[in-house]
Amino acid sequence: MVEDDDIIGSIMVGYDGHRGWVNYLACHTLHRRRGVATSLMTEASKILAARGCPKINLQVRAGNDAAVKFYESIGYVAEEVSSLGLRLVDDQFGQQEVTSP
């Protein structure tokens, strides 16, 4: 989303033919609580629905209570699922690097 030639919000979604995914949602800190993220999520939902997507999934890192509250405020609910991951690089989020056997 752009305002006065400045990017104030961004979203990346995908659809694999089974589920839609919100991979990233970002809003410039100076523009939060003005409907930017809600507008982006609404548009993403419309685009995915038009492609026949029956459901949208997303993940929120543990402890990001503000994000959980935002998604709940627009109708998302927590589901009983297990999320598994494998870090392939040593970076700020993980401490192991996978090497060839």
PDB file of N, CA and C in Angstrom:
ATOM      1  N   MET A   1       0.848  -1.162   0.000  1.00  0.00           N
ATOM      2  CA  MET A   1       0.000   0.000   0.000  1.00  0.00           C
ATOM      3  C   MET A   1       0.900   1.232   0.000  1.00  0.00           C
ATOM      4  N   VAL A   2       0.515   2.197  -0.783  1.00  0.00           N
ATOM      5  CA  VAL A   2       1.332   3.395  -0.954  1.00  0.00           C
ATOM      6  C   VAL A   2       0.515   4.629  -0.584  1.00  0.00           C
ATOM      7  N   GLU A   3       1.168   5.574   0.089  1.00  0.00           N
ATOM      8  CA  GLU A   3       0.561   6.850   0.429  1.00  0.00           C
ATOM      9  C   GLU A   3       1.594   7.933   0.176  1.00  0.00           C
ATOM     10  N   ASP A   4       1.274   8.898  -0.653  1.00  0.00           N
ATOM     11  CA  ASP A   4       2.203   9.982  -0.986  1.00  0.00           C
ATOM     12  C   ASP A   4       3.552   9.440  -1.461  1.00  0.00           C
ATOM     13  N   ASP A   5       3.519   8.445  -2.316  1.00  0.00           N
ATOM     14  CA  ASP A   5       4.715   7.807  -2.884  1.00  0.00           C
ATOM     15  C   ASP A   5       5.562   7.042  -1.877  1.00  0.00           C
ATOM     16  N   ASP A   6       5.065   6.849  -0.648  1.00  0.00           N
ATOM     17  CA  ASP A   6       5.771   6.069   0.365  1.00  0.00           C
ATOM     18  C   ASP A   6       5.055   4.740   0.577  1.00  0.00           C
ATOM     19  N   ILE A   7       5.809   3.675   0.681  1.00  0.00           N
ATOM     20  CA  ILE A   7       5.224   2.379   0.993  1.00  0.00           C
ATOM     21  C   ILE A   7       4.909   2.371   2.487  1.00  0.00           C
ATOM     22  N   ILE A   8       3.633   2.158   2.813  1.00  0.00           N
ATOM     23  CA  ILE A   8       3.229   2.147   4.217  1.00  0.00           C
ATOM     24  C   ILE A   8       2.747   0.772   4.664  1.00  0.00           C
ATOM     25  N   GLY A   9       2.545  -0.139   3.727  1.00  0.00           N
ATOM     26  CA  GLY A   9       2.105  -1.477   4.078  1.00  0.00           C
ATOM     27  C   GLY A   9       2.381  -2.441   2.953  1.00  0.00           C
ATOM     28  N   SER A  10       2.571  -3.704   3.332  1.00  0.00           N
ATOM     29  CA  SER A  10       2.880  -4.729   2.346  1.00  0.00           C
ATOM     30  C   SER A  10       2.347  -6.073   2.826  1.00  0.00           C
ATOM     31  N   ILE A  11       1.932  -6.892   1.876  1.00  0.00           N
ATOM     32  CA  ILE A  11       1.456  -8.238   2.210  1.00  0.00           C
ATOM     33  C   ILE A  11       1.911  -9.193   1.116  1.00  0.00           C
ATOM     34  N   MET A  12       2.245 -10.409   1.523  1.00  0.00           N
ATOM     35  CA  MET A  12       2.591 -11.461   0.565  1.00  0.00           C
ATOM     36  C   MET A  12       1.748 -12.682   0.900  1.00  0.00           C
ATOM     37  N   VAL A  13       0.953 -13.110  -0.061  1.00  0.00           N
ATOM     38  CA  VAL A  13       0.098 -14.274   0.132  1.00  0.00           C
ATOM     39  C   VAL A  13       0.358 -15.282  -0.970  1.00  0.00           C
ATOM     40  N   GLY A  14      -0.048 -16.504  -0.714  1.00  0.00           N
ATOM     41  CA  GLY A  14       0.075 -17.549  -1.717  1.00  0.00           C
ATOM     42  C   GLY A  14      -1.091 -18.508  -1.615  1.00  0.00           C
ATOM     43  N   TYR A  15      -1.290 -19.279  -2.675  1.00  0.00           N
ATOM     44  CA  TYR A  15      -2.350 -20.282  -2.708  1.00  0.00           C
ATOM     45  C   TYR A  15      -1.791 -21.503  -3.392  1.00  0.00           C
ATOM     46  N   ASP A  16      -1.772 -22.617  -2.684  1.00  0.00           N
ATOM     47  CA  ASP A  16      -1.192 -23.845  -3.228  1.00  0.00           C
ATOM     48  C   ASP A  16      -2.235 -24.790  -3.818  1.00  0.00           C
ATOM     49  N   GLY A  17      -3.482 -24.322  -3.971  1.00  0.00           N
ATOM     50  CA  GLY A  17      -4.550 -25.159  -4.481  1.00  0.00           C
ATOM     51  C   GLY A  17      -5.309 -25.862  -3.366  1.00  0.00           C
ATOM     52  N   HIS A  18      -4.792 -25.783  -2.151  1.00  0.00           N
ATOM     53  CA  HIS A  18      -5.429 -26.405  -0.993  1.00  0.00           C
ATOM     54  C   HIS A  18      -5.777 -25.359   0.065  1.00  0.00           C
ATOM     55  N   ARG A  19      -4.808 -24.512   0.396  1.00  0.00           N
ATOM     56  CA  ARG A  19      -5.002 -23.457   1.378  1.00  0.00           C
ATOM     57  C   ARG A  19      -4.291 -22.184   0.926  1.00  0.00           C
ATOM     58  N   GLY A  20      -4.844 -21.077   1.336  1.00  0.00           N
ATOM     59  CA  GLY A  20      -4.148 -19.818   1.150  1.00  0.00           C
ATOM     60  C   GLY A  20      -3.265 -19.578   2.354  1.00  0.00           C
ATOM     61  N   TRP A  21      -2.188 -18.867   2.133  1.00  0.00           N
ATOM     62  CA  TRP A  21      -1.259 -18.554   3.213  1.00  0.00           C
ATOM     63  C   TRP A  21      -0.921 -17.074   3.194  1.00  0.00           C
ATOM     64  N   VAL A  22      -0.948 -16.455   4.361  1.00  0.00           N
ATOM     65  CA  VAL A  22      -0.400 -15.115   4.521  1.00  0.00           C
ATOM     66  C   VAL A  22       1.027 -15.335   4.992  1.00  0.00           C
ATOM     67  N   ASN A  23       1.968 -15.043   4.104  1.00  0.00           N
ATOM     68  CA  ASN A  23       3.370 -15.252   4.445  1.00  0.00           C
ATOM     69  C   ASN A  23       3.961 -14.071   5.208  1.00  0.00           C
ATOM     70  N   TYR A  24       3.575 -12.874   4.807  1.00  0.00           N
ATOM     71  CA  TYR A  24       4.081 -11.666   5.465  1.00  0.00           C
ATOM     72  C   TYR A  24       3.028 -10.583   5.411  1.00  0.00           C
ATOM     73  N   LEU A  25       2.944  -9.829   6.479  1.00  0.00           N
ATOM     74  CA  LEU A  25       2.109  -8.638   6.536  1.00  0.00           C
ATOM     75  C   LEU A  25       2.915  -7.606   7.312  1.00  0.00           C
ATOM     76  N   ALA A  26       3.072  -6.440   6.739  1.00  0.00           N
ATOM     77  CA  ALA A  26       3.836  -5.393   7.406  1.00  0.00           C
ATOM     78  C   ALA A  26       3.130  -4.055   7.228  1.00  0.00           C
ATOM     79  N   CYS A  27       3.225  -3.242   8.266  1.00  0.00           N
ATOM     80  CA  CYS A  27       2.689  -1.891   8.229  1.00  0.00           C
ATOM     81  C   CYS A  27       3.705  -0.970   8.889  1.00  0.00           C
ATOM     82  N   HIS A  28       4.007   0.122   8.222  1.00  0.00           N
ATOM     83  CA  HIS A  28       4.935   1.107   8.780  1.00  0.00           C
ATOM     84  C   HIS A  28       4.434   1.546  10.153  1.00  0.00           C
ATOM     85  N   THR A  29       5.339   1.614  11.113  1.00  0.00           N
ATOM     86  CA  THR A  29       4.943   1.923  12.492  1.00  0.00           C
ATOM     87  C   THR A  29       4.179   3.240  12.629  1.00  0.00           C
ATOM     88  N   LEU A  30       4.491   4.215  11.803  1.00  0.00           N
ATOM     89  CA  LEU A  30       3.794   5.505  11.890  1.00  0.00           C
ATOM     90  C   LEU A  30       2.375   5.452  11.326  1.00  0.00           C
ATOM     91  N   HIS A  31       2.032   4.349  10.671  1.00  0.00           N
ATOM     92  CA  HIS A  31       0.713   4.244  10.043  1.00  0.00           C
ATOM     93  C   HIS A  31      -0.139   3.141  10.670  1.00  0.00           C
ATOM     94  N   ARG A  32       0.289   2.586  11.785  1.00  0.00           N
ATOM     95  CA  ARG A  32      -0.475   1.530  12.441  1.00  0.00           C
ATOM     96  C   ARG A  32      -1.733   2.090  13.089  1.00  0.00           C
ATOM     97  N   ARG A  33      -2.721   1.199  13.210  1.00  0.00           N
ATOM     98  CA  ARG A  33      -4.019   1.521  13.819  1.00  0.00           C
ATOM     99  C   ARG A  33      -4.803   2.538  12.983  1.00  0.00           C
ATOM    100  N   ARG A  34      -4.516   2.535  11.669  1.00  0.00           N
ATOM    101  CA  ARG A  34      -5.246   3.406  10.736  1.00  0.00           C
ATOM    102  C   ARG A  34      -5.970   2.589   9.674  1.00  0.00           C
ATOM    103  N   GLY A  35      -5.994   1.260   9.837  1.00  0.00           N
ATOM    104  CA  GLY A  35      -6.714   0.411   8.889  1.00  0.00           C
ATOM    105  C   GLY A  35      -5.873  -0.134   7.746  1.00  0.00           C
ATOM    106  N   VAL A  36      -4.588   0.157   7.746  1.00  0.00           N
ATOM    107  CA  VAL A  36      -3.717  -0.296   6.645  1.00  0.00           C
ATOM    108  C   VAL A  36      -3.663  -1.821   6.592  1.00  0.00           C
ATOM    109  N   ALA A  37      -3.323  -2.455   7.713  1.00  0.00           N
ATOM    110  CA  ALA A  37      -3.206  -3.915   7.737  1.00  0.00           C
ATOM    111  C   ALA A  37      -4.560  -4.575   7.471  1.00  0.00           C
ATOM    112  N   THR A  38      -5.609  -4.017   8.032  1.00  0.00           N
ATOM    113  CA  THR A  38      -6.945  -4.570   7.793  1.00  0.00           C
ATOM    114  C   THR A  38      -7.303  -4.493   6.322  1.00  0.00           C
ATOM    115  N   SER A  39      -7.014  -3.373   5.700  1.00  0.00           N
ATOM    116  CA  SER A  39      -7.281  -3.210   4.273  1.00  0.00           C
ATOM    117  C   SER A  39      -6.491  -4.216   3.430  1.00  0.00           C
ATOM    118  N   LEU A  40      -5.228  -4.403   3.777  1.00  0.00           N
ATOM    119  CA  LEU A  40      -4.407  -5.369   3.040  1.00  0.00           C
ATOM    120  C   LEU A  40      -4.945  -6.790   3.212  1.00  0.00           C
ATOM    121  N   MET A  41      -5.331  -7.145   4.428  1.00  0.00           N
ATOM    122  CA  MET A  41      -5.878  -8.480   4.671  1.00  0.00           C
ATOM    123  C   MET A  41      -7.211  -8.674   3.947  1.00  0.00           C
ATOM    124  N   THR A  42      -8.037  -7.649   3.909  1.00  0.00           N
ATOM    125  CA  THR A  42      -9.321  -7.729   3.213  1.00  0.00           C
ATOM    126  C   THR A  42      -9.098  -7.961   1.725  1.00  0.00           C
ATOM    127  N   GLU A  43      -8.180  -7.208   1.137  1.00  0.00           N
ATOM    128  CA  GLU A  43      -7.896  -7.365  -0.290  1.00  0.00           C
ATOM    129  C   GLU A  43      -7.298  -8.736  -0.585  1.00  0.00           C
ATOM    130  N   ALA A  44      -6.409  -9.199   0.273  1.00  0.00           N
ATOM    131  CA  ALA A  44      -5.815 -10.531   0.087  1.00  0.00           C
ATOM    132  C   ALA A  44      -6.899 -11.604   0.145  1.00  0.00           C
ATOM    133  N   SER A  45      -7.832 -11.471   1.080  1.00  0.00           N
ATOM    134  CA  SER A  45      -8.929 -12.437   1.200  1.00  0.00           C
ATOM    135  C   SER A  45      -9.780 -12.469  -0.062  1.00  0.00           C
ATOM    136  N   LYS A  46     -10.060 -11.294  -0.613  1.00  0.00           N
ATOM    137  CA  LYS A  46     -10.845 -11.214  -1.850  1.00  0.00           C
ATOM    138  C   LYS A  46     -10.116 -11.875  -3.007  1.00  0.00           C
ATOM    139  N   ILE A  47      -8.837 -11.614  -3.125  1.00  0.00           N
ATOM    140  CA  ILE A  47      -8.039 -12.197  -4.217  1.00  0.00           C
ATOM    141  C   ILE A  47      -7.998 -13.722  -4.091  1.00  0.00           C
ATOM    142  N   LEU A  48      -7.754 -14.218  -2.884  1.00  0.00           N
ATOM    143  CA  LEU A  48      -7.699 -15.665  -2.685  1.00  0.00           C
ATOM    144  C   LEU A  48      -9.063 -16.309  -2.921  1.00  0.00           C
ATOM    145  N   ALA A  49     -10.124 -15.694  -2.428  1.00  0.00           N
ATOM    146  CA  ALA A  49     -11.471 -16.236  -2.636  1.00  0.00           C
ATOM    147  C   ALA A  49     -11.819 -16.305  -4.116  1.00  0.00           C
ATOM    148  N   ALA A  50     -11.422 -15.301  -4.881  1.00  0.00           N
ATOM    149  CA  ALA A  50     -11.689 -15.282  -6.318  1.00  0.00           C
ATOM    150  C   ALA A  50     -10.980 -16.423  -7.049  1.00  0.00           C
ATOM    151  N   ARG A  51      -9.926 -16.959  -6.451  1.00  0.00           N
ATOM    152  CA  ARG A  51      -9.195 -18.084  -7.040  1.00  0.00           C
ATOM    153  C   ARG A  51      -9.686 -19.428  -6.513  1.00  0.00           C
ATOM    154  N   GLY A  52     -10.749 -19.407  -5.716  1.00  0.00           N
ATOM    155  CA  GLY A  52     -11.327 -20.635  -5.204  1.00  0.00           C
ATOM    156  C   GLY A  52     -10.725 -21.128  -3.901  1.00  0.00           C
ATOM    157  N   CYS A  53      -9.973 -20.309  -3.241  1.00  0.00           N
ATOM    158  CA  CYS A  53      -9.330 -20.682  -1.987  1.00  0.00           C
ATOM    159  C   CYS A  53     -10.387 -20.833  -0.887  1.00  0.00           C
ATOM    160  N   PRO A  54     -10.450 -22.016  -0.226  1.00  0.00           N
ATOM    161  CA  PRO A  54     -11.473 -22.227   0.790  1.00  0.00           C
ATOM    162  C   PRO A  54     -11.108 -21.739   2.197  1.00  0.00           C
ATOM    163  N   LYS A  55      -9.819 -21.510   2.453  1.00  0.00           N
ATOM    164  CA  LYS A  55      -9.388 -21.180   3.812  1.00  0.00           C
ATOM    165  C   LYS A  55      -8.015 -20.528   3.755  1.00  0.00           C
ATOM    166  N   ILE A  56      -7.779 -19.597   4.679  1.00  0.00           N
ATOM    167  CA  ILE A  56      -6.479 -18.939   4.765  1.00  0.00           C
ATOM    168  C   ILE A  56      -5.814 -19.335   6.080  1.00  0.00           C
ATOM    169  N   ASN A  57      -4.554 -19.695   6.010  1.00  0.00           N
ATOM    170  CA  ASN A  57      -3.748 -19.996   7.192  1.00  0.00           C
ATOM    171  C   ASN A  57      -2.670 -18.939   7.336  1.00  0.00           C
ATOM    172  N   LEU A  58      -2.222 -18.765   8.563  1.00  0.00           N
ATOM    173  CA  LEU A  58      -1.062 -17.918   8.832  1.00  0.00           C
ATOM    174  C   LEU A  58      -0.449 -18.367  10.144  1.00  0.00           C
ATOM    175  N   GLN A  59       0.771 -17.976  10.362  1.00  0.00           N
ATOM    176  CA  GLN A  59       1.463 -18.300  11.596  1.00  0.00           C
ATOM    177  C   GLN A  59       1.939 -17.013  12.252  1.00  0.00           C
ATOM    178  N   VAL A  60       1.926 -17.023  13.573  1.00  0.00           N
ATOM    179  CA  VAL A  60       2.414 -15.891  14.361  1.00  0.00           C
ATOM    180  C   VAL A  60       3.419 -16.444  15.356  1.00  0.00           C
ATOM    181  N   ARG A  61       4.568 -15.801  15.449  1.00  0.00           N
ATOM    182  CA  ARG A  61       5.568 -16.251  16.416  1.00  0.00           C
ATOM    183  C   ARG A  61       5.030 -16.155  17.840  1.00  0.00           C
ATOM    184  N   ALA A  62       5.379 -17.137  18.659  1.00  0.00           N
ATOM    185  CA  ALA A  62       4.989 -17.142  20.070  1.00  0.00           C
ATOM    186  C   ALA A  62       5.437 -15.836  20.717  1.00  0.00           C
ATOM    187  N   GLY A  63       4.578 -15.265  21.518  1.00  0.00           N
ATOM    188  CA  GLY A  63       4.906 -14.028  22.209  1.00  0.00           C
ATOM    189  C   GLY A  63       4.496 -12.763  21.479  1.00  0.00           C
ATOM    190  N   ASN A  64       4.085 -12.882  20.215  1.00  0.00           N
ATOM    191  CA  ASN A  64       3.661 -11.704  19.459  1.00  0.00           C
ATOM    192  C   ASN A  64       2.168 -11.479  19.685  1.00  0.00           C
ATOM    193  N   ASP A  65       1.857 -11.103  20.915  1.00  0.00           N
ATOM    194  CA  ASP A  65       0.462 -10.952  21.319  1.00  0.00           C
ATOM    195  C   ASP A  65      -0.277  -9.877  20.521  1.00  0.00           C
ATOM    196  N   ALA A  66       0.417  -8.819  20.143  1.00  0.00           N
ATOM    197  CA  ALA A  66      -0.227  -7.746  19.367  1.00  0.00           C
ATOM    198  C   ALA A  66      -0.707  -8.282  18.019  1.00  0.00           C
ATOM    199  N   ALA A  67       0.098  -9.117  17.381  1.00  0.00           N
ATOM    200  CA  ALA A  67      -0.310  -9.690  16.091  1.00  0.00           C
ATOM    201  C   ALA A  67      -1.504 -10.618  16.274  1.00  0.00           C
ATOM    202  N   VAL A  68      -1.462 -11.446  17.314  1.00  0.00           N
ATOM    203  CA  VAL A  68      -2.585 -12.358  17.571  1.00  0.00           C
ATOM    204  C   VAL A  68      -3.862 -11.558  17.787  1.00  0.00           C
ATOM    205  N   LYS A  69      -3.790 -10.502  18.575  1.00  0.00           N
ATOM    206  CA  LYS A  69      -4.975  -9.666  18.824  1.00  0.00           C
ATOM    207  C   LYS A  69      -5.491  -9.047  17.527  1.00  0.00           C
ATOM    208  N   PHE A  70      -4.569  -8.592  16.686  1.00  0.00           N
ATOM    209  CA  PHE A  70      -4.994  -8.011  15.404  1.00  0.00           C
ATOM    210  C   PHE A  70      -5.751  -9.045  14.581  1.00  0.00           C
ATOM    211  N   TYR A  71      -5.161 -10.233  14.389  1.00  0.00           N
ATOM    212  CA  TYR A  71      -5.811 -11.249  13.561  1.00  0.00           C
ATOM    213  C   TYR A  71      -7.144 -11.685  14.156  1.00  0.00           C
ATOM    214  N   GLU A  72      -7.210 -11.815  15.468  1.00  0.00           N
ATOM    215  CA  GLU A  72      -8.483 -12.163  16.095  1.00  0.00           C
ATOM    216  C   GLU A  72      -9.524 -11.073  15.854  1.00  0.00           C
ATOM    217  N   SER A  73      -9.098  -9.821  15.839  1.00  0.00           N
ATOM    218  CA  SER A  73     -10.034  -8.713  15.641  1.00  0.00           C
ATOM    219  C   SER A  73     -10.657  -8.708  14.254  1.00  0.00           C
ATOM    220  N   ILE A  74     -10.006  -9.391  13.295  1.00  0.00           N
ATOM    221  CA  ILE A  74     -10.567  -9.452  11.937  1.00  0.00           C
ATOM    222  C   ILE A  74     -11.119 -10.843  11.619  1.00  0.00           C
ATOM    223  N   GLY A  75     -11.318 -11.653  12.669  1.00  0.00           N
ATOM    224  CA  GLY A  75     -12.035 -12.908  12.486  1.00  0.00           C
ATOM    225  C   GLY A  75     -11.234 -14.187  12.512  1.00  0.00           C
ATOM    226  N   TYR A  76      -9.934 -14.111  12.616  1.00  0.00           N
ATOM    227  CA  TYR A  76      -9.113 -15.322  12.664  1.00  0.00           C
ATOM    228  C   TYR A  76      -9.198 -15.940  14.053  1.00  0.00           C
ATOM    229  N   VAL A  77      -9.102 -17.270  14.101  1.00  0.00           N
ATOM    230  CA  VAL A  77      -9.152 -17.985  15.371  1.00  0.00           C
ATOM    231  C   VAL A  77      -7.944 -18.914  15.474  1.00  0.00           C
ATOM    232  N   ALA A  78      -7.484 -19.105  16.713  1.00  0.00           N
ATOM    233  CA  ALA A  78      -6.393 -20.049  16.954  1.00  0.00           C
ATOM    234  C   ALA A  78      -6.905 -21.463  16.704  1.00  0.00           C
ATOM    235  N   GLU A  79      -6.077 -22.274  16.083  1.00  0.00           N
ATOM    236  CA  GLU A  79      -6.434 -23.656  15.777  1.00  0.00           C
ATOM    237  C   GLU A  79      -5.462 -24.605  16.469  1.00  0.00           C
ATOM    238  N   GLU A  80      -5.931 -25.791  16.755  1.00  0.00           N
ATOM    239  CA  GLU A  80      -5.097 -26.815  17.367  1.00  0.00           C
ATOM    240  C   GLU A  80      -4.293 -27.509  16.271  1.00  0.00           C
ATOM    241  N   VAL A  81      -3.111 -26.992  15.998  1.00  0.00           N
ATOM    242  CA  VAL A  81      -2.221 -27.581  14.999  1.00  0.00           C
ATOM    243  C   VAL A  81      -0.798 -27.575  15.546  1.00  0.00           C
ATOM    244  N   SER A  82       0.035 -28.379  14.949  1.00  0.00           N
ATOM    245  CA  SER A  82       1.460 -28.361  15.285  1.00  0.00           C
ATOM    246  C   SER A  82       2.197 -27.736  14.116  1.00  0.00           C
ATOM    247  N   SER A  83       3.058 -26.810  14.412  1.00  0.00           N
ATOM    248  CA  SER A  83       3.873 -26.177  13.386  1.00  0.00           C
ATOM    249  C   SER A  83       5.305 -26.679  13.550  1.00  0.00           C
ATOM    250  N   LEU A  84       5.840 -27.265  12.518  1.00  0.00           N
ATOM    251  CA  LEU A  84       7.189 -27.801  12.555  1.00  0.00           C
ATOM    252  C   LEU A  84       8.064 -27.016  11.600  1.00  0.00           C
ATOM    253  N   GLY A  85       9.315 -26.885  11.929  1.00  0.00           N
ATOM    254  CA  GLY A  85      10.240 -26.165  11.066  1.00  0.00           C
ATOM    255  C   GLY A  85      11.635 -26.742  11.171  1.00  0.00           C
ATOM    256  N   LEU A  86      12.447 -26.427  10.206  1.00  0.00           N
ATOM    257  CA  LEU A  86      13.850 -26.844  10.184  1.00  0.00           C
ATOM    258  C   LEU A  86      14.674 -25.661   9.729  1.00  0.00           C
ATOM    259  N   ARG A  87      15.526 -25.131  10.578  1.00  0.00           N
ATOM    260  CA  ARG A  87      16.394 -24.011  10.226  1.00  0.00           C
ATOM    261  C   ARG A  87      17.489 -24.523   9.311  1.00  0.00           C
ATOM    262  N   LEU A  88      17.685 -23.862   8.218  1.00  0.00           N
ATOM    263  CA  LEU A  88      18.730 -24.227   7.266  1.00  0.00           C
ATOM    264  C   LEU A  88      19.921 -23.293   7.343  1.00  0.00           C
ATOM    265  N   VAL A  89      19.767 -22.182   8.030  1.00  0.00           N
ATOM    266  CA  VAL A  89      20.859 -21.227   8.188  1.00  0.00           C
ATOM    267  C   VAL A  89      20.927 -20.768   9.628  1.00  0.00           C
ATOM    268  N   ASP A  90      22.103 -20.398  10.062  1.00  0.00           N
ATOM    269  CA  ASP A  90      22.301 -19.845  11.393  1.00  0.00           C
ATOM    270  C   ASP A  90      22.050 -18.347  11.301  1.00  0.00           C
ATOM    271  N   ASP A  91      20.961 -17.902  11.884  1.00  0.00           N
ATOM    272  CA  ASP A  91      20.622 -16.483  11.815  1.00  0.00           C
ATOM    273  C   ASP A  91      19.995 -16.064  13.135  1.00  0.00           C
ATOM    274  N   GLN A  92      19.338 -14.932  13.151  1.00  0.00           N
ATOM    275  CA  GLN A  92      18.789 -14.391  14.385  1.00  0.00           C
ATOM    276  C   GLN A  92      17.682 -15.248  14.985  1.00  0.00           C
ATOM    277  N   PHE A  93      17.088 -16.160  14.194  1.00  0.00           N
ATOM    278  CA  PHE A  93      15.972 -16.964  14.679  1.00  0.00           C
ATOM    279  C   PHE A  93      16.360 -18.380  15.050  1.00  0.00           C
ATOM    280  N   GLY A  94      17.532 -18.819  14.664  1.00  0.00           N
ATOM    281  CA  GLY A  94      17.926 -20.181  14.955  1.00  0.00           C
ATOM    282  C   GLY A  94      19.410 -20.249  15.255  1.00  0.00           C
ATOM    283  N   GLN A  95      19.819 -21.369  15.780  1.00  0.00           N
ATOM    284  CA  GLN A  95      21.220 -21.474  16.144  1.00  0.00           C
ATOM    285  C   GLN A  95      21.907 -22.661  15.508  1.00  0.00           C
ATOM    286  N   GLN A  96      21.198 -23.419  14.720  1.00  0.00           N
ATOM    287  CA  GLN A  96      21.826 -24.566  14.091  1.00  0.00           C
ATOM    288  C   GLN A  96      21.850 -24.378  12.588  1.00  0.00           C
ATOM    289  N   GLU A  97      22.892 -24.848  12.005  1.00  0.00           N
ATOM    290  CA  GLU A  97      23.026 -24.830  10.557  1.00  0.00           C
ATOM    291  C   GLU A  97      23.092 -26.278  10.096  1.00  0.00           C
ATOM    292  N   VAL A  98      22.272 -26.622   9.121  1.00  0.00           N
ATOM    293  CA  VAL A  98      22.263 -27.970   8.586  1.00  0.00           C
ATOM    294  C   VAL A  98      23.427 -28.096   7.615  1.00  0.00           C
ATOM    295  N   THR A  99      24.219 -29.121   7.790  1.00  0.00           N
ATOM    296  CA  THR A  99      25.335 -29.367   6.886  1.00  0.00           C
ATOM    297  C   THR A  99      25.113 -30.703   6.188  1.00  0.00           C
ATOM    298  N   SER A 100      25.795 -30.896   5.100  1.00  0.00           N
ATOM    299  CA  SER A 100      25.669 -32.149   4.360  1.00  0.00           C
ATOM    300  C   SER A 100      26.207 -33.298   5.202  1.00  0.00           C
ATOM    301  N   PRO A 101      25.566 -34.470   5.134  1.00  0.00           N
ATOM    302  CA  PRO A 101      26.051 -35.627   5.902  1.00  0.00           C
ATOM    303  C   PRO A 101      27.391 -36.125   5.427  1.00  0.00           C
TER     304      PRO A 101
END
